[in-house]
N, C-alpha and C. Protein backbone atom coordinates (compact mmCIF):
# COMPACT_ATOMS: atom_id res chain seq x y z
N GLY A 1 20.20 -9.92 28.14
CA GLY A 1 20.04 -10.91 27.11
C GLY A 1 21.38 -11.51 26.73
N SER A 2 21.52 -11.76 25.46
CA SER A 2 22.73 -12.42 24.96
C SER A 2 23.75 -11.43 24.42
N SER A 3 23.63 -10.15 24.78
CA SER A 3 24.58 -9.15 24.27
C SER A 3 26.00 -9.42 24.76
N CYS A 4 26.16 -9.97 25.96
CA CYS A 4 27.51 -10.30 26.46
C CYS A 4 28.17 -11.35 25.57
N ALA A 5 27.39 -12.33 25.14
CA ALA A 5 27.93 -13.37 24.27
C ALA A 5 28.32 -12.80 22.92
N LEU A 6 27.49 -11.92 22.37
CA LEU A 6 27.80 -11.29 21.09
C LEU A 6 29.09 -10.48 21.18
N LEU A 7 29.22 -9.71 22.24
CA LEU A 7 30.43 -8.91 22.44
C LEU A 7 31.65 -9.81 22.60
N ALA A 8 31.52 -10.91 23.34
CA ALA A 8 32.64 -11.83 23.55
C ALA A 8 33.12 -12.43 22.24
N VAL A 9 32.20 -12.83 21.38
CA VAL A 9 32.58 -13.41 20.09
C VAL A 9 33.25 -12.35 19.22
N ALA A 10 32.76 -11.12 19.26
CA ALA A 10 33.39 -10.04 18.50
C ALA A 10 34.81 -9.79 19.00
N LEU A 11 35.00 -9.81 20.32
CA LEU A 11 36.34 -9.65 20.89
C LEU A 11 37.26 -10.81 20.51
N GLN A 12 36.70 -12.01 20.52
CA GLN A 12 37.48 -13.20 20.19
C GLN A 12 38.05 -13.09 18.78
N GLN A 13 37.30 -12.55 17.85
CA GLN A 13 37.74 -12.45 16.47
C GLN A 13 38.89 -11.47 16.30
N GLN A 14 39.08 -10.58 17.27
CA GLN A 14 40.15 -9.59 17.20
C GLN A 14 41.30 -9.88 18.16
N ALA A 15 41.07 -10.74 19.11
CA ALA A 15 42.05 -10.99 20.17
C ALA A 15 43.20 -11.87 19.66
N PRO A 16 44.42 -11.58 20.11
CA PRO A 16 45.56 -12.41 19.70
C PRO A 16 45.65 -13.72 20.47
N GLY A 17 44.84 -13.90 21.50
CA GLY A 17 44.88 -15.12 22.31
C GLY A 17 43.52 -15.42 22.89
N PRO A 18 43.47 -16.23 23.92
CA PRO A 18 42.20 -16.61 24.52
C PRO A 18 41.45 -15.41 25.12
N VAL A 19 40.14 -15.51 25.10
CA VAL A 19 39.29 -14.52 25.76
C VAL A 19 38.64 -15.23 26.94
N VAL A 20 38.89 -14.73 28.14
CA VAL A 20 38.35 -15.33 29.36
C VAL A 20 37.13 -14.54 29.79
N LEU A 21 36.03 -15.24 29.95
CA LEU A 21 34.77 -14.63 30.38
C LEU A 21 34.48 -15.08 31.80
N GLY A 22 34.54 -14.16 32.73
CA GLY A 22 34.29 -14.49 34.13
C GLY A 22 32.86 -14.18 34.52
N CYS A 23 32.15 -15.19 34.94
CA CYS A 23 30.75 -15.04 35.39
C CYS A 23 30.74 -14.83 36.90
N PRO A 24 29.76 -14.06 37.40
CA PRO A 24 29.70 -13.83 38.85
C PRO A 24 29.42 -15.10 39.64
N ARG A 25 28.67 -16.03 39.06
CA ARG A 25 28.31 -17.27 39.76
C ARG A 25 28.56 -18.46 38.84
N ALA A 26 28.84 -19.59 39.42
CA ALA A 26 29.06 -20.82 38.64
C ALA A 26 27.82 -21.20 37.85
N SER A 27 26.66 -20.89 38.38
CA SER A 27 25.41 -21.25 37.70
C SER A 27 25.21 -20.44 36.41
N ASP A 28 25.94 -19.35 36.25
CA ASP A 28 25.82 -18.52 35.05
C ASP A 28 26.62 -19.07 33.87
N ILE A 29 27.52 -20.00 34.11
CA ILE A 29 28.39 -20.53 33.06
C ILE A 29 27.58 -21.21 31.97
N ASP A 30 26.67 -22.09 32.34
CA ASP A 30 25.87 -22.81 31.33
C ASP A 30 25.03 -21.85 30.49
N VAL A 31 24.47 -20.84 31.12
CA VAL A 31 23.64 -19.87 30.40
C VAL A 31 24.49 -19.12 29.37
N LEU A 32 25.67 -18.67 29.79
CA LEU A 32 26.55 -17.95 28.87
C LEU A 32 27.02 -18.85 27.73
N CYS A 33 27.35 -20.09 28.02
CA CYS A 33 27.76 -21.03 26.97
C CYS A 33 26.64 -21.25 25.95
N ASP A 34 25.41 -21.34 26.43
CA ASP A 34 24.27 -21.48 25.52
C ASP A 34 24.13 -20.25 24.63
N ASP A 35 24.31 -19.07 25.21
CA ASP A 35 24.24 -17.83 24.42
C ASP A 35 25.38 -17.75 23.40
N LEU A 36 26.58 -18.19 23.78
CA LEU A 36 27.71 -18.16 22.86
C LEU A 36 27.46 -19.04 21.65
N ALA A 37 26.75 -20.15 21.85
CA ALA A 37 26.45 -21.07 20.74
C ALA A 37 25.61 -20.40 19.66
N LEU A 38 24.93 -19.31 19.99
CA LEU A 38 24.13 -18.59 19.00
C LEU A 38 25.01 -17.82 18.01
N PHE A 39 26.23 -17.48 18.42
CA PHE A 39 27.07 -16.58 17.63
C PHE A 39 28.34 -17.21 17.08
N THR A 40 28.67 -18.40 17.52
CA THR A 40 29.89 -19.06 17.03
C THR A 40 29.71 -20.57 17.04
N ALA A 41 30.35 -21.20 16.07
CA ALA A 41 30.30 -22.67 16.01
C ALA A 41 31.37 -23.29 16.91
N CYS A 42 32.30 -22.48 17.37
CA CYS A 42 33.38 -22.97 18.23
C CYS A 42 32.89 -23.06 19.67
N ALA A 43 32.83 -24.26 20.19
CA ALA A 43 32.35 -24.46 21.56
C ALA A 43 33.33 -23.83 22.55
N PRO A 44 32.81 -23.10 23.53
CA PRO A 44 33.70 -22.50 24.53
C PRO A 44 34.28 -23.56 25.46
N TRP A 45 35.45 -23.26 26.00
CA TRP A 45 36.07 -24.12 26.99
C TRP A 45 35.54 -23.68 28.35
N ARG A 46 35.21 -24.65 29.19
CA ARG A 46 34.72 -24.35 30.53
C ARG A 46 35.87 -24.56 31.52
N PHE A 47 35.94 -23.66 32.47
CA PHE A 47 36.93 -23.78 33.54
C PHE A 47 36.18 -23.66 34.87
N PRO A 48 35.60 -24.79 35.31
CA PRO A 48 34.74 -24.76 36.51
C PRO A 48 35.55 -24.60 37.79
N ALA A 49 34.85 -24.21 38.82
CA ALA A 49 35.46 -24.07 40.15
C ALA A 49 35.40 -25.41 40.88
N TRP A 50 36.42 -25.63 41.72
CA TRP A 50 36.39 -26.79 42.61
C TRP A 50 35.24 -26.63 43.57
N GLU A 51 34.55 -27.70 43.81
CA GLU A 51 33.48 -27.68 44.80
C GLU A 51 33.88 -28.42 46.06
N ALA A 52 34.97 -29.18 45.99
CA ALA A 52 35.42 -29.97 47.13
C ALA A 52 36.69 -29.36 47.73
N GLU A 53 36.95 -29.69 48.97
CA GLU A 53 38.18 -29.28 49.61
C GLU A 53 39.37 -29.96 48.93
N THR A 54 40.55 -29.40 49.05
CA THR A 54 41.75 -29.92 48.40
C THR A 54 41.97 -31.39 48.72
N ARG A 55 41.84 -31.78 49.96
CA ARG A 55 42.11 -33.17 50.34
C ARG A 55 41.04 -34.14 49.84
N GLU A 56 39.86 -33.61 49.43
CA GLU A 56 38.77 -34.45 48.98
C GLU A 56 38.73 -34.62 47.46
N ARG A 57 39.57 -33.90 46.74
CA ARG A 57 39.55 -33.96 45.29
C ARG A 57 40.05 -35.31 44.80
N ILE A 58 39.35 -35.85 43.82
CA ILE A 58 39.73 -37.14 43.27
C ILE A 58 39.89 -37.03 41.77
N ILE A 59 40.68 -37.91 41.21
CA ILE A 59 41.01 -37.87 39.80
C ILE A 59 39.80 -38.15 38.91
N GLN A 60 38.80 -38.84 39.43
CA GLN A 60 37.61 -39.15 38.64
C GLN A 60 36.60 -38.00 38.62
N ASP A 61 36.86 -36.94 39.32
CA ASP A 61 35.96 -35.80 39.40
C ASP A 61 35.87 -35.10 38.04
N ASP A 62 34.64 -34.81 37.58
CA ASP A 62 34.44 -34.13 36.30
C ASP A 62 35.09 -32.75 36.29
N VAL A 63 35.05 -32.05 37.41
CA VAL A 63 35.65 -30.72 37.50
C VAL A 63 37.15 -30.82 37.30
N TYR A 64 37.77 -31.82 37.92
CA TYR A 64 39.21 -32.05 37.76
C TYR A 64 39.54 -32.23 36.27
N GLY A 65 38.79 -33.08 35.59
CA GLY A 65 39.03 -33.34 34.17
C GLY A 65 38.84 -32.12 33.31
N GLU A 66 37.79 -31.35 33.56
CA GLU A 66 37.53 -30.17 32.74
C GLU A 66 38.59 -29.09 32.96
N ARG A 67 38.97 -28.88 34.20
CA ARG A 67 40.03 -27.88 34.48
C ARG A 67 41.35 -28.31 33.84
N LEU A 68 41.68 -29.59 33.97
CA LEU A 68 42.91 -30.10 33.40
C LEU A 68 42.91 -30.01 31.88
N ARG A 69 41.79 -30.34 31.24
CA ARG A 69 41.66 -30.27 29.79
C ARG A 69 41.91 -28.84 29.30
N THR A 70 41.33 -27.87 29.98
CA THR A 70 41.50 -26.47 29.59
C THR A 70 42.94 -26.01 29.80
N LEU A 71 43.52 -26.36 30.94
CA LEU A 71 44.91 -25.97 31.20
C LEU A 71 45.87 -26.58 30.18
N LYS A 72 45.67 -27.85 29.85
CA LYS A 72 46.55 -28.50 28.86
C LYS A 72 46.41 -27.84 27.49
N TRP A 73 45.17 -27.48 27.12
CA TRP A 73 44.98 -26.82 25.84
C TRP A 73 45.73 -25.50 25.83
N LEU A 74 45.61 -24.73 26.90
CA LEU A 74 46.30 -23.45 26.97
C LEU A 74 47.81 -23.61 26.89
N LEU A 75 48.36 -24.63 27.55
CA LEU A 75 49.80 -24.87 27.47
C LEU A 75 50.24 -25.22 26.05
N ARG A 76 49.48 -26.13 25.39
CA ARG A 76 49.82 -26.51 24.01
C ARG A 76 49.69 -25.32 23.08
N ALA A 77 48.65 -24.52 23.24
CA ALA A 77 48.44 -23.36 22.38
C ALA A 77 49.55 -22.34 22.58
N ASN A 78 49.95 -22.12 23.83
CA ASN A 78 51.02 -21.17 24.12
C ASN A 78 52.33 -21.63 23.50
N ARG A 79 52.63 -22.91 23.62
CA ARG A 79 53.86 -23.44 23.03
C ARG A 79 53.83 -23.32 21.51
N ALA A 80 52.66 -23.60 20.92
CA ALA A 80 52.53 -23.51 19.47
C ALA A 80 52.67 -22.07 18.99
N LEU A 81 52.09 -21.13 19.71
CA LEU A 81 52.18 -19.73 19.31
C LEU A 81 53.60 -19.20 19.44
N THR A 82 54.31 -19.62 20.48
CA THR A 82 55.69 -19.16 20.65
C THR A 82 56.61 -19.83 19.63
N ALA A 83 56.22 -20.97 19.10
CA ALA A 83 57.02 -21.65 18.08
C ALA A 83 56.49 -21.36 16.68
N ALA A 84 55.52 -20.43 16.57
CA ALA A 84 54.90 -20.05 15.30
C ALA A 84 54.30 -21.25 14.57
N GLU A 85 53.67 -22.13 15.32
CA GLU A 85 53.00 -23.29 14.75
C GLU A 85 51.50 -23.08 14.80
N THR A 86 50.75 -24.02 14.24
CA THR A 86 49.30 -23.97 14.32
C THR A 86 48.87 -24.44 15.69
N PRO A 87 47.98 -23.67 16.38
CA PRO A 87 47.53 -24.11 17.70
C PRO A 87 46.76 -25.42 17.61
N PRO A 88 46.70 -26.18 18.71
CA PRO A 88 45.96 -27.44 18.71
C PRO A 88 44.48 -27.20 18.49
N GLU A 89 43.86 -28.09 17.79
CA GLU A 89 42.43 -28.02 17.50
C GLU A 89 42.06 -26.67 16.90
N ALA A 90 41.26 -26.70 15.88
CA ALA A 90 40.89 -25.48 15.17
C ALA A 90 40.14 -24.52 16.08
N VAL A 91 40.64 -23.31 16.15
CA VAL A 91 40.02 -22.25 16.94
C VAL A 91 39.96 -21.02 16.06
N PRO A 92 38.81 -20.35 15.98
CA PRO A 92 38.72 -19.16 15.15
C PRO A 92 39.59 -18.04 15.68
N ALA A 93 40.11 -17.24 14.79
CA ALA A 93 40.90 -16.05 15.10
C ALA A 93 42.00 -16.35 16.11
N GLY A 94 42.10 -15.53 17.18
CA GLY A 94 43.21 -15.60 18.09
C GLY A 94 43.20 -16.73 19.08
N GLY A 95 42.06 -17.11 19.56
CA GLY A 95 42.05 -18.13 20.58
C GLY A 95 40.65 -18.52 21.00
N PRO A 96 40.57 -19.39 21.98
CA PRO A 96 39.27 -19.90 22.41
C PRO A 96 38.58 -18.92 23.36
N LEU A 97 37.32 -19.17 23.55
CA LEU A 97 36.56 -18.51 24.60
C LEU A 97 36.59 -19.44 25.80
N ILE A 98 37.05 -18.94 26.93
CA ILE A 98 37.10 -19.73 28.15
C ILE A 98 36.10 -19.11 29.13
N VAL A 99 35.12 -19.91 29.53
CA VAL A 99 34.07 -19.43 30.41
C VAL A 99 34.29 -20.01 31.80
N CYS A 100 34.30 -19.13 32.79
CA CYS A 100 34.55 -19.56 34.16
C CYS A 100 33.78 -18.67 35.12
N SER A 101 33.86 -19.00 36.37
CA SER A 101 33.28 -18.14 37.40
C SER A 101 34.42 -17.41 38.10
N ILE A 102 34.09 -16.36 38.81
CA ILE A 102 35.09 -15.64 39.58
C ILE A 102 35.77 -16.59 40.56
N GLN A 103 34.99 -17.48 41.17
CA GLN A 103 35.54 -18.45 42.13
C GLN A 103 36.61 -19.33 41.48
N SER A 104 36.36 -19.79 40.25
CA SER A 104 37.35 -20.67 39.60
C SER A 104 38.63 -19.92 39.26
N LEU A 105 38.53 -18.62 38.98
CA LEU A 105 39.73 -17.82 38.71
C LEU A 105 40.58 -17.63 39.96
N LEU A 106 39.94 -17.66 41.11
CA LEU A 106 40.66 -17.45 42.37
C LEU A 106 41.30 -18.73 42.91
N GLN A 107 40.96 -19.88 42.33
CA GLN A 107 41.51 -21.14 42.82
C GLN A 107 42.84 -21.44 42.12
N PRO A 108 43.79 -21.99 42.86
CA PRO A 108 45.12 -22.24 42.29
C PRO A 108 45.10 -23.31 41.21
N VAL A 109 46.09 -23.21 40.32
CA VAL A 109 46.30 -24.21 39.27
C VAL A 109 47.74 -24.68 39.36
N PRO A 110 48.04 -25.88 38.84
CA PRO A 110 49.42 -26.36 38.89
C PRO A 110 50.32 -25.54 37.96
N SER A 111 51.58 -25.47 38.30
CA SER A 111 52.55 -24.75 37.47
C SER A 111 52.83 -25.55 36.20
N ARG A 112 53.49 -24.92 35.25
CA ARG A 112 53.87 -25.62 34.01
C ARG A 112 54.77 -26.80 34.30
N ALA A 113 55.69 -26.62 35.23
CA ALA A 113 56.61 -27.71 35.58
C ALA A 113 55.85 -28.91 36.14
N VAL A 114 54.88 -28.66 36.99
CA VAL A 114 54.08 -29.74 37.57
C VAL A 114 53.26 -30.41 36.47
N MET A 115 52.69 -29.62 35.57
CA MET A 115 51.91 -30.18 34.45
C MET A 115 52.81 -31.06 33.57
N ASP A 116 54.03 -30.61 33.31
CA ASP A 116 54.95 -31.42 32.49
C ASP A 116 55.32 -32.72 33.18
N ARG A 117 55.59 -32.66 34.50
CA ARG A 117 55.93 -33.88 35.24
C ARG A 117 54.75 -34.83 35.33
N SER A 118 53.55 -34.30 35.23
CA SER A 118 52.34 -35.12 35.37
C SER A 118 51.81 -35.59 34.02
N SER A 119 52.61 -35.47 32.99
CA SER A 119 52.17 -35.89 31.65
C SER A 119 53.16 -36.89 31.06
N ARG A 120 52.64 -37.83 30.32
CA ARG A 120 53.46 -38.80 29.60
C ARG A 120 52.94 -38.89 28.17
N TRP A 121 53.86 -39.02 27.24
CA TRP A 121 53.50 -39.16 25.83
C TRP A 121 53.90 -40.55 25.37
N LEU A 122 52.98 -41.24 24.71
CA LEU A 122 53.26 -42.55 24.13
C LEU A 122 53.05 -42.44 22.63
N ARG A 123 54.07 -42.84 21.87
CA ARG A 123 53.98 -42.77 20.42
C ARG A 123 54.32 -44.13 19.83
N THR A 124 53.76 -44.41 18.68
CA THR A 124 54.04 -45.66 17.99
C THR A 124 55.54 -45.80 17.79
N GLY A 125 56.06 -46.97 18.14
CA GLY A 125 57.48 -47.25 18.00
C GLY A 125 58.30 -46.95 19.23
N ASP A 126 57.75 -46.22 20.18
CA ASP A 126 58.48 -45.91 21.41
C ASP A 126 58.76 -47.17 22.20
N SER A 127 59.91 -47.18 22.84
CA SER A 127 60.23 -48.25 23.78
C SER A 127 59.65 -47.84 25.13
N LEU A 128 59.03 -48.79 25.80
CA LEU A 128 58.29 -48.46 27.01
C LEU A 128 58.67 -49.42 28.13
N HIS A 129 58.98 -48.87 29.28
CA HIS A 129 59.20 -49.69 30.47
C HIS A 129 57.85 -49.79 31.17
N VAL A 130 57.16 -50.89 30.92
CA VAL A 130 55.78 -51.05 31.34
C VAL A 130 55.62 -50.92 32.85
N GLN A 131 56.44 -51.61 33.63
CA GLN A 131 56.30 -51.56 35.09
C GLN A 131 56.53 -50.15 35.62
N GLU A 132 57.46 -49.43 35.02
CA GLU A 132 57.71 -48.04 35.42
C GLU A 132 56.50 -47.16 35.11
N LEU A 133 55.88 -47.39 33.95
CA LEU A 133 54.68 -46.63 33.59
C LEU A 133 53.53 -46.94 34.53
N LEU A 134 53.34 -48.21 34.87
CA LEU A 134 52.28 -48.59 35.79
C LEU A 134 52.50 -47.97 37.17
N ARG A 135 53.73 -47.93 37.60
CA ARG A 135 54.07 -47.30 38.89
C ARG A 135 53.75 -45.79 38.82
N TRP A 136 54.07 -45.16 37.68
CA TRP A 136 53.77 -43.74 37.49
C TRP A 136 52.26 -43.49 37.54
N PHE A 137 51.46 -44.39 36.92
CA PHE A 137 50.00 -44.25 36.98
C PHE A 137 49.52 -44.23 38.43
N VAL A 138 50.02 -45.14 39.23
CA VAL A 138 49.62 -45.22 40.63
C VAL A 138 50.03 -43.94 41.37
N GLU A 139 51.23 -43.44 41.10
CA GLU A 139 51.69 -42.20 41.73
C GLU A 139 50.79 -41.02 41.35
N GLN A 140 50.22 -41.07 40.15
CA GLN A 140 49.33 -40.00 39.68
C GLN A 140 47.88 -40.22 40.13
N ARG A 141 47.66 -41.21 40.98
CA ARG A 141 46.35 -41.53 41.57
C ARG A 141 45.38 -42.20 40.60
N PHE A 142 45.91 -42.82 39.54
CA PHE A 142 45.06 -43.65 38.67
C PHE A 142 44.74 -44.93 39.44
N HIS A 143 43.65 -45.56 39.05
CA HIS A 143 43.25 -46.82 39.69
C HIS A 143 43.42 -47.96 38.70
N ALA A 144 44.07 -49.02 39.15
CA ALA A 144 44.20 -50.24 38.33
C ALA A 144 42.87 -50.98 38.39
N THR A 145 42.41 -51.43 37.25
CA THR A 145 41.13 -52.12 37.18
C THR A 145 41.19 -53.18 36.07
N SER A 146 40.24 -54.08 36.08
CA SER A 146 40.22 -55.12 35.05
C SER A 146 39.58 -54.63 33.76
N ALA A 147 38.67 -53.64 33.85
CA ALA A 147 38.03 -53.06 32.67
C ALA A 147 37.91 -51.56 32.88
N VAL A 148 38.49 -50.79 31.98
CA VAL A 148 38.50 -49.34 32.08
C VAL A 148 37.14 -48.78 31.69
N GLU A 149 36.52 -48.04 32.61
CA GLU A 149 35.21 -47.44 32.35
C GLU A 149 35.14 -45.97 32.72
N LEU A 150 35.97 -45.53 33.67
CA LEU A 150 35.90 -44.17 34.19
C LEU A 150 37.23 -43.45 34.04
N PRO A 151 37.19 -42.11 33.96
CA PRO A 151 38.45 -41.37 33.95
C PRO A 151 39.28 -41.70 35.17
N GLY A 152 40.60 -41.76 34.96
CA GLY A 152 41.50 -42.06 36.06
C GLY A 152 41.74 -43.54 36.28
N GLU A 153 41.38 -44.36 35.29
CA GLU A 153 41.60 -45.81 35.41
C GLU A 153 42.56 -46.29 34.32
N PHE A 154 43.23 -47.40 34.63
CA PHE A 154 44.08 -48.07 33.64
C PHE A 154 43.98 -49.57 33.85
N SER A 155 44.32 -50.31 32.79
CA SER A 155 44.26 -51.76 32.86
C SER A 155 45.32 -52.34 31.93
N LEU A 156 46.05 -53.31 32.42
CA LEU A 156 47.03 -54.02 31.59
C LEU A 156 46.64 -55.48 31.56
N ARG A 157 46.38 -55.97 30.36
CA ARG A 157 46.05 -57.38 30.15
C ARG A 157 46.92 -57.89 29.01
N GLY A 158 47.96 -58.62 29.38
CA GLY A 158 48.88 -59.11 28.36
C GLY A 158 49.58 -57.94 27.69
N GLY A 159 49.43 -57.85 26.36
CA GLY A 159 50.05 -56.77 25.60
C GLY A 159 49.09 -55.63 25.31
N ILE A 160 48.00 -55.56 26.05
CA ILE A 160 47.00 -54.50 25.85
C ILE A 160 46.96 -53.61 27.09
N LEU A 161 47.20 -52.32 26.88
CA LEU A 161 47.13 -51.35 27.96
C LEU A 161 46.01 -50.36 27.65
N ASP A 162 44.99 -50.34 28.49
CA ASP A 162 43.89 -49.39 28.35
C ASP A 162 44.09 -48.27 29.35
N ILE A 163 43.91 -47.03 28.87
CA ILE A 163 44.12 -45.85 29.72
C ILE A 163 42.95 -44.89 29.52
N PHE A 164 42.44 -44.36 30.62
CA PHE A 164 41.40 -43.34 30.56
C PHE A 164 41.88 -42.19 31.45
N ALA A 165 42.53 -41.21 30.83
CA ALA A 165 43.04 -40.05 31.56
C ALA A 165 41.87 -39.17 32.01
N PRO A 166 42.04 -38.45 33.10
CA PRO A 166 40.94 -37.65 33.63
C PRO A 166 40.46 -36.53 32.71
N ASP A 167 41.31 -36.07 31.80
CA ASP A 167 40.92 -34.98 30.91
C ASP A 167 40.49 -35.47 29.52
N TRP A 168 40.38 -36.77 29.33
CA TRP A 168 39.94 -37.32 28.05
C TRP A 168 38.45 -37.58 28.06
N GLN A 169 37.87 -37.55 26.85
CA GLN A 169 36.45 -37.87 26.70
C GLN A 169 36.23 -39.38 26.60
N GLN A 170 37.23 -40.09 26.09
CA GLN A 170 37.15 -41.54 25.89
C GLN A 170 38.48 -42.18 26.27
N PRO A 171 38.46 -43.45 26.65
CA PRO A 171 39.73 -44.14 26.93
C PRO A 171 40.45 -44.49 25.62
N VAL A 172 41.71 -44.84 25.74
CA VAL A 172 42.49 -45.29 24.58
C VAL A 172 43.07 -46.66 24.88
N ARG A 173 43.36 -47.37 23.82
CA ARG A 173 43.99 -48.68 23.95
C ARG A 173 45.36 -48.61 23.29
N VAL A 174 46.37 -49.08 24.01
CA VAL A 174 47.74 -49.11 23.53
C VAL A 174 48.12 -50.58 23.40
N GLU A 175 48.53 -50.97 22.19
CA GLU A 175 48.98 -52.35 21.97
C GLU A 175 50.49 -52.39 22.09
N LEU A 176 50.97 -53.36 22.86
CA LEU A 176 52.39 -53.51 23.11
C LEU A 176 52.91 -54.81 22.52
N CYS A 177 54.09 -54.74 21.98
CA CYS A 177 54.81 -55.93 21.55
C CYS A 177 56.11 -55.92 22.34
N ASP A 178 56.19 -56.75 23.35
CA ASP A 178 57.26 -56.70 24.34
C ASP A 178 57.24 -55.31 24.98
N ASP A 179 58.28 -54.50 24.77
CA ASP A 179 58.34 -53.17 25.34
C ASP A 179 58.13 -52.07 24.31
N SER A 180 57.63 -52.43 23.15
CA SER A 180 57.46 -51.46 22.06
C SER A 180 55.98 -51.12 21.87
N VAL A 181 55.69 -49.82 21.69
CA VAL A 181 54.32 -49.38 21.45
C VAL A 181 53.99 -49.60 19.98
N GLU A 182 52.96 -50.42 19.75
CA GLU A 182 52.54 -50.71 18.39
C GLU A 182 51.52 -49.70 17.94
């Protein structure tokens, strides 16, 4: 039954960090997540397994986005904990529940250095070299398009830059005034 989920939530409340729940099969992840919802209001993070070969993986893949979202959260939470700050997004007790399959745990993930090189931060007031940023998007396998609809797309129209990163739920719009982020 749902005793595994109950035990996981009890462990989460005592754990100093994330609790990783490894399921024997990928098909068990959804069932366990449904059971966890009975005992906690905090939605578990999913860390799915790649289903495609390395050379076939694309930035628009849902698995890519979900794995990246979880890895980024863990990096931010780790940095916040080591700096004695509040972790990103409200999480009860020590950390999130991360649900995965054994297969997903065995698959490689990028190093922290690679994750840092593959991330860009844009803040209001920042000076931005637009052409350099667009070149970086292409290097990261984003697709230039006239209207952003899918993860992994970007669009520049005048002073409006739309970006939909693979790990985001929605795209964002960045307004530019010359080279300054408004």
